[in-house]
Protein backbone atom coordinates (compact mmCIF):
# COMPACT_ATOMS: atom_id res chain seq x y z
CA MET A 1 -8.07 20.32 -6.75
CA TYR A 2 -7.35 16.65 -7.27
CA ILE A 3 -4.02 15.08 -6.45
CA HIS A 4 -3.74 11.56 -7.88
CA TYR A 5 -1.25 9.33 -6.09
CA ALA A 6 -0.75 7.04 -9.08
CA ILE A 7 2.53 5.54 -10.18
CA GLY A 8 3.02 3.85 -13.52
CA LYS A 9 1.23 3.97 -16.83
CA ILE A 10 -1.91 2.50 -18.30
CA GLU A 11 -2.80 2.25 -21.94
CA PHE A 12 -6.50 1.63 -21.63
CA GLY A 13 -8.67 -0.35 -23.96
CA GLY A 14 -9.57 -4.01 -24.02
CA PHE A 15 -6.17 -4.63 -22.44
CA GLY A 16 -4.04 -2.77 -19.95
CA VAL A 17 -0.32 -2.27 -19.60
CA ILE A 18 0.82 -1.79 -16.02
CA THR A 19 4.38 -0.94 -15.13
CA TYR A 20 4.02 -1.09 -11.35
CA HIS A 21 1.44 -3.44 -9.95
CA SER A 22 0.22 -5.46 -7.05
CA LYS A 23 -2.64 -7.90 -6.66
CA ILE A 24 -5.14 -8.27 -3.81
CA ASN A 25 -7.58 -11.09 -4.51
CA ASN A 26 -9.27 -10.08 -7.79
CA LEU A 27 -8.06 -6.46 -7.83
CA TRP A 28 -4.92 -5.49 -9.75
CA LYS A 29 -3.73 -1.95 -9.17
CA PHE A 30 -1.04 0.69 -9.39
CA ASP A 31 1.30 1.07 -6.41
CA MET A 32 -0.98 3.90 -5.21
CA VAL A 33 -4.38 5.06 -6.39
CA LEU A 34 -5.43 7.11 -3.35
CA LYS A 35 -6.83 10.53 -4.28
CA TYR A 36 -6.77 13.65 -2.11
CA ILE A 37 -9.11 16.64 -2.24
CA GLU A 38 -8.28 19.58 0.01
CA ASN A 39 -11.95 20.38 0.56
CA TYR A 40 -14.90 18.40 -0.77
CA HIS A 41 -18.40 19.61 0.16
CA GLY A 42 -17.03 21.07 3.41
CA LEU A 43 -14.88 18.03 4.24
CA ASN A 44 -11.24 19.06 4.68
CA HIS A 45 -8.50 16.49 4.05
CA PHE A 46 -10.73 14.22 2.00
CA TYR A 47 -9.40 10.96 0.53
CA HIS A 48 -10.96 8.31 -1.67
CA ILE A 49 -9.80 5.39 -3.81
CA GLY A 50 -12.21 5.50 -6.75
CA TRP A 51 -15.70 6.41 -7.92
CA TYR A 52 -19.09 4.82 -7.46
CA PHE A 53 -21.57 4.81 -10.35
CA PRO A 54 -25.17 4.18 -9.18
CA LYS A 55 -26.91 2.01 -11.75
CA ASN A 56 -30.10 4.09 -11.65
CA HIS A 57 -28.14 7.14 -12.85
CA TYR A 58 -25.34 5.61 -14.92
CA GLN A 59 -26.94 2.70 -16.74
CA LYS A 60 -24.38 2.86 -19.56
CA VAL A 61 -21.41 2.59 -17.23
CA LYS A 62 -19.95 -0.86 -16.78
CA ASP A 63 -17.90 -0.60 -13.61
CA PRO A 64 -16.95 -3.73 -11.62
CA LEU A 65 -15.68 -1.64 -8.69
CA SER A 66 -19.18 -0.26 -8.12
CA ASN A 67 -20.51 -3.82 -8.06
CA SER A 68 -17.74 -4.88 -5.71
CA ILE A 69 -18.47 -2.14 -3.16
CA LEU A 70 -22.14 -3.17 -3.10
CA GLU A 71 -21.01 -6.73 -2.35
CA PHE A 72 -18.83 -5.25 0.43
CA LYS A 73 -21.87 -3.50 1.91
CA ASP A 74 -23.71 -6.83 1.78
CA ASN A 75 -20.87 -8.37 3.83
CA ASN A 76 -19.68 -10.66 1.04
CA ASN A 77 -16.61 -12.31 2.57
CA LEU A 78 -14.33 -12.06 -0.47
CA SER A 79 -15.24 -8.41 -1.14
CA VAL A 80 -14.79 -7.46 2.51
CA ASN A 81 -11.37 -9.11 2.73
CA THR A 82 -10.31 -7.57 -0.57
CA TRP A 83 -11.30 -4.04 0.37
CA CYS A 84 -9.85 -4.36 3.88
CA SER A 85 -6.45 -5.24 2.41
CA PHE A 86 -6.76 -2.67 -0.37
CA VAL A 87 -7.72 0.21 1.95
CA ALA A 88 -5.06 -0.66 4.53
CA THR A 89 -2.38 -0.70 1.84
CA GLU A 90 -3.45 2.67 0.43
CA ILE A 91 -3.69 4.41 3.80
CA ARG A 92 -0.41 2.92 5.03
CA VAL A 93 1.67 4.00 2.05
CA SER A 94 0.09 7.49 2.09
CA ASN A 95 2.05 8.19 5.31
CA ILE A 96 -0.96 9.84 6.96
CA GLU A 97 -0.29 9.71 10.71
CA ILE A 98 -3.47 8.53 12.43
CA ASP A 99 -4.14 8.26 16.18
CA LEU A 100 -7.85 7.36 16.22
CA ILE A 101 -10.08 5.63 13.65
CA LEU A 102 -13.87 6.05 13.66
CA ARG A 103 -16.38 4.72 11.18
CA MET A 104 -19.66 5.80 9.70
CA PHE A 105 -22.84 4.17 11.02
CA SER A 106 -25.51 2.71 8.78
CA SER A 107 -28.92 4.35 9.07
CA SER A 108 -30.21 1.40 11.14
CA GLU A 109 -27.31 1.37 13.63
CA ILE A 110 -27.28 3.11 17.01
CA THR A 111 -23.97 1.55 18.10
CA ALA A 112 -21.13 0.27 15.93
CA GLY A 113 -21.57 -3.47 15.36
CA GLN A 114 -18.38 -5.52 15.19
CA GLN A 115 -19.55 -7.55 12.19
CA HIS A 116 -20.20 -4.50 10.02
CA PRO A 117 -17.81 -4.44 7.02
CA LEU A 118 -16.48 -1.01 8.02
CA SER A 119 -15.64 -2.36 11.48
CA GLN A 120 -13.51 -4.96 9.75
CA VAL A 121 -11.79 -2.22 7.74
CA GLY A 122 -11.17 -0.24 10.93
CA SER A 123 -9.73 -3.28 12.71
CA THR A 124 -7.46 -3.99 9.74
CA LEU A 125 -6.21 -0.40 9.77
CA GLU A 126 -5.55 -0.62 13.52
CA ARG A 127 -3.36 -3.69 12.96
CA GLN A 128 -1.42 -2.21 10.06
CA LEU A 129 -0.95 1.44 11.10
CA ASP A 130 1.55 2.40 13.78
CA ASN A 131 -0.08 3.78 16.95
CA ALA A 132 -3.61 3.93 15.47
CA ILE A 133 -6.56 2.85 17.63
CA PHE A 134 -9.93 1.81 16.18
CA SER A 135 -12.54 2.82 18.76
CA PRO A 136 -15.86 3.33 16.95
CA ASN A 137 -17.94 3.45 20.15
CA LEU A 138 -16.40 6.82 21.07
CA LEU A 139 -18.92 8.00 18.51
CA VAL A 140 -22.54 7.93 19.69
CA LYS A 141 -25.65 8.07 17.54
CA THR A 142 -28.26 9.95 19.52
CA ARG A 143 -31.33 8.88 17.53
CA ASN A 144 -32.51 6.78 14.61
CA ILE A 145 -32.36 8.35 11.17
CA THR A 146 -34.16 7.54 7.94
CA THR A 147 -32.19 5.90 5.17
CA LEU A 148 -30.64 8.69 3.11
CA HIS A 149 -30.54 6.87 -0.21
CA ASN A 150 -33.44 8.68 -1.90
CA LEU A 151 -33.12 12.07 -0.17
CA SER A 152 -31.76 15.23 -1.77
CA GLY A 153 -28.65 16.89 -0.38
CA SER A 154 -30.58 19.47 1.66
CA ASN A 155 -32.95 16.85 3.06
CA ARG A 156 -30.00 14.65 4.00
CA ASN A 157 -28.48 17.56 5.93
CA ARG A 158 -31.73 18.07 7.85
CA GLU A 159 -32.15 14.36 8.56
CA VAL A 160 -28.70 13.89 10.13
CA SER A 161 -28.46 17.25 11.91
CA GLY A 162 -27.62 16.69 15.59
CA ALA A 163 -27.70 12.88 15.19
CA TYR A 164 -24.20 12.22 16.58
CA SER A 165 -22.12 13.06 19.62
CA PHE A 166 -18.48 12.29 20.44
CA LYS A 167 -17.18 11.13 23.82
CA GLY A 168 -13.71 12.60 23.32
CA TYR A 169 -10.23 11.10 23.10
CA ASP A 170 -7.57 12.20 25.60
CA ALA A 171 -4.75 9.75 24.87
CA VAL A 172 -3.10 12.33 22.58
CA ASP A 173 -3.06 16.12 23.03
CA LYS A 174 -4.03 16.94 19.44
CA PRO A 175 -5.20 13.66 17.88
CA ASN A 176 -5.33 12.92 14.17
CA ILE A 177 -8.75 11.34 13.67
CA LEU A 178 -9.68 9.31 10.58
CA ILE A 179 -13.37 8.82 9.70
CA ILE A 180 -13.95 5.94 7.27
CA ASP A 181 -16.90 5.22 4.98
CA ASP A 182 -17.66 2.87 2.08
CA ILE A 183 -19.64 5.13 -0.31
CA LEU A 184 -19.97 8.90 0.05
CA THR A 185 -22.45 10.93 -2.00
CA THR A 186 -23.29 14.34 -0.47
CA GLY A 187 -21.11 13.97 2.64
CA ALA A 188 -23.98 14.96 4.97
CA SER A 189 -23.38 12.21 7.56
CA MET A 190 -19.62 12.66 7.54
CA ARG A 191 -19.97 16.44 8.02
CA GLU A 192 -22.31 15.81 10.96
CA ILE A 193 -19.79 13.44 12.55
CA ALA A 194 -17.00 15.97 12.03
CA ARG A 195 -19.21 18.62 13.69
CA ALA A 196 -19.77 16.34 16.70
CA ILE A 197 -16.03 15.68 17.02
CA ASN A 198 -15.09 19.36 16.76
CA GLU A 199 -17.76 20.33 19.30
CA THR A 200 -16.27 17.99 21.93
CA GLN A 201 -12.62 18.14 20.88
CA PRO A 202 -11.83 21.23 18.80
CA ASN A 203 -8.08 20.67 19.18
CA CYS A 204 -7.79 17.83 16.66
CA ASN A 205 -7.13 17.11 12.98
CA ILE A 206 -9.86 15.27 11.10
CA TYR A 207 -9.20 13.20 7.98
CA HIS A 208 -12.13 11.96 5.90
CA PHE A 209 -11.87 8.77 3.85
CA THR A 210 -14.34 6.83 1.73
CA ILE A 211 -13.58 3.80 -0.41
CA LEU A 212 -15.61 5.06 -3.38
CA LYS A 213 -17.07 8.52 -3.92
CA THR A 214 -20.26 8.81 -5.96
CA PHE A 215 -19.23 10.24 -9.32
CA ASP A 216 -20.16 13.91 -9.77
CA LYS A 217 -19.86 14.99 -13.39
CA ASN A 218 -19.79 18.65 -12.33
CA PHE A 219 -16.75 18.15 -10.11
CA ASP A 220 -14.84 15.00 -10.94
CA PRO A 221 -12.25 14.81 -13.73
CA TYR A 222 -13.72 13.63 -17.01
CA GLY A 223 -12.20 10.62 -18.65
CA VAL A 224 -12.44 7.00 -17.68
CA PRO A 225 -12.52 6.85 -13.86
CA ASN A 226 -11.39 3.76 -11.96
CA THR A 227 -8.97 2.73 -14.70
CA GLU A 228 -6.07 2.60 -12.25
CA ILE A 229 -7.74 -0.53 -10.91
CA TYR A 230 -8.51 -3.65 -12.92
CA TYR A 231 -10.90 -6.32 -11.76
CA CYS A 232 -10.37 -9.82 -13.05
CA GLU A 233 -11.35 -13.29 -11.96
CA SER A 234 -8.30 -14.96 -13.44
CA LEU A 235 -5.52 -13.98 -15.81
CA GLU A 236 -1.84 -14.39 -16.52
CA TYR A 237 0.46 -11.42 -16.11
CA GLN A 238 3.97 -10.88 -17.41
CA GLU A 239 6.08 -7.84 -16.48
CA GLY A 240 5.52 -5.15 -19.10
CA GLY A 241 2.98 -7.34 -20.84
CA LEU A 242 -0.77 -7.36 -21.25
CA LEU A 243 -3.36 -7.93 -18.58
CA ASN A 244 -5.26 -10.30 -20.80
CA GLY A 245 -8.85 -10.87 -19.73
CA ALA A 246 -9.12 -7.94 -17.32
CA GLU A 247 -12.67 -6.75 -16.81
CA SER A 248 -12.74 -2.95 -16.94
CA ASN A 249 -15.35 -0.23 -16.97
CA TYR A 250 -17.00 0.95 -20.17
CA ILE A 251 -17.98 4.62 -20.37
CA ASN A 252 -19.09 6.79 -23.27
CA ASP A 253 -20.18 10.43 -23.45
CA SER A 254 -23.90 9.73 -23.07
CA ALA A 255 -23.23 7.85 -19.85
CA PHE A 256 -22.92 11.20 -18.07
CA ASP A 257 -26.30 12.62 -19.11
CA ASP A 258 -28.02 11.98 -15.78
CA ASP A 259 -27.55 14.10 -12.66
CA ILE A 260 -27.03 12.92 -9.10
CA PRO A 261 -29.02 15.07 -6.61
CA PHE A 262 -26.15 16.69 -4.67
């Protein structure tokens, strides 16, 4: 079941009308767009901001957010700063109480590099959340893994099985642990990390967060995803008026013909 934390109203077309808004760099948004799923592919307490549309599967979808998250992964400075601020705002106003923040590792990482974009997100969250500590090196990758991009869901599960261990966190009796990611597709790596945490520290609460979740037409609500968020290089805004010049996604029925290998 989806719970959308969205406030305000959008009339979507070439223009948008936003009643409540804020602006972070080139992203204009509702007061909250964080989404919660009670259980997604075995991940309890799962949160995400929007959807990712891979170009090789959704060629007819024009979605600037998907482009922006790829720039984030490439460590583009503007995209990293934008998403750090955006994520910190969403998590902070959600009132989720977090004690420890961990992040996903890229397939090539054995330890968590400080310059990785997700490390910058974790550090931003640590600064903006009360009592939260970002300590990614409590998570240990025990071996190299192959890039998961072209693997099916079952092959991803096999590839990451047993690839992580957790050192434990004893500063709090029953810690609330947040795992952060940039794009989640099958959830194989995040489930493996949750397994490692529970094996070492079963007395904890785990929250799973990804910036964008790969769109799954068999699960996700049909409509025009990501329309709570407008991307625009420059525009003039007046309260209750039009966001003139906002670049938004374009989706039609045939855009959803292809399947993602979950």
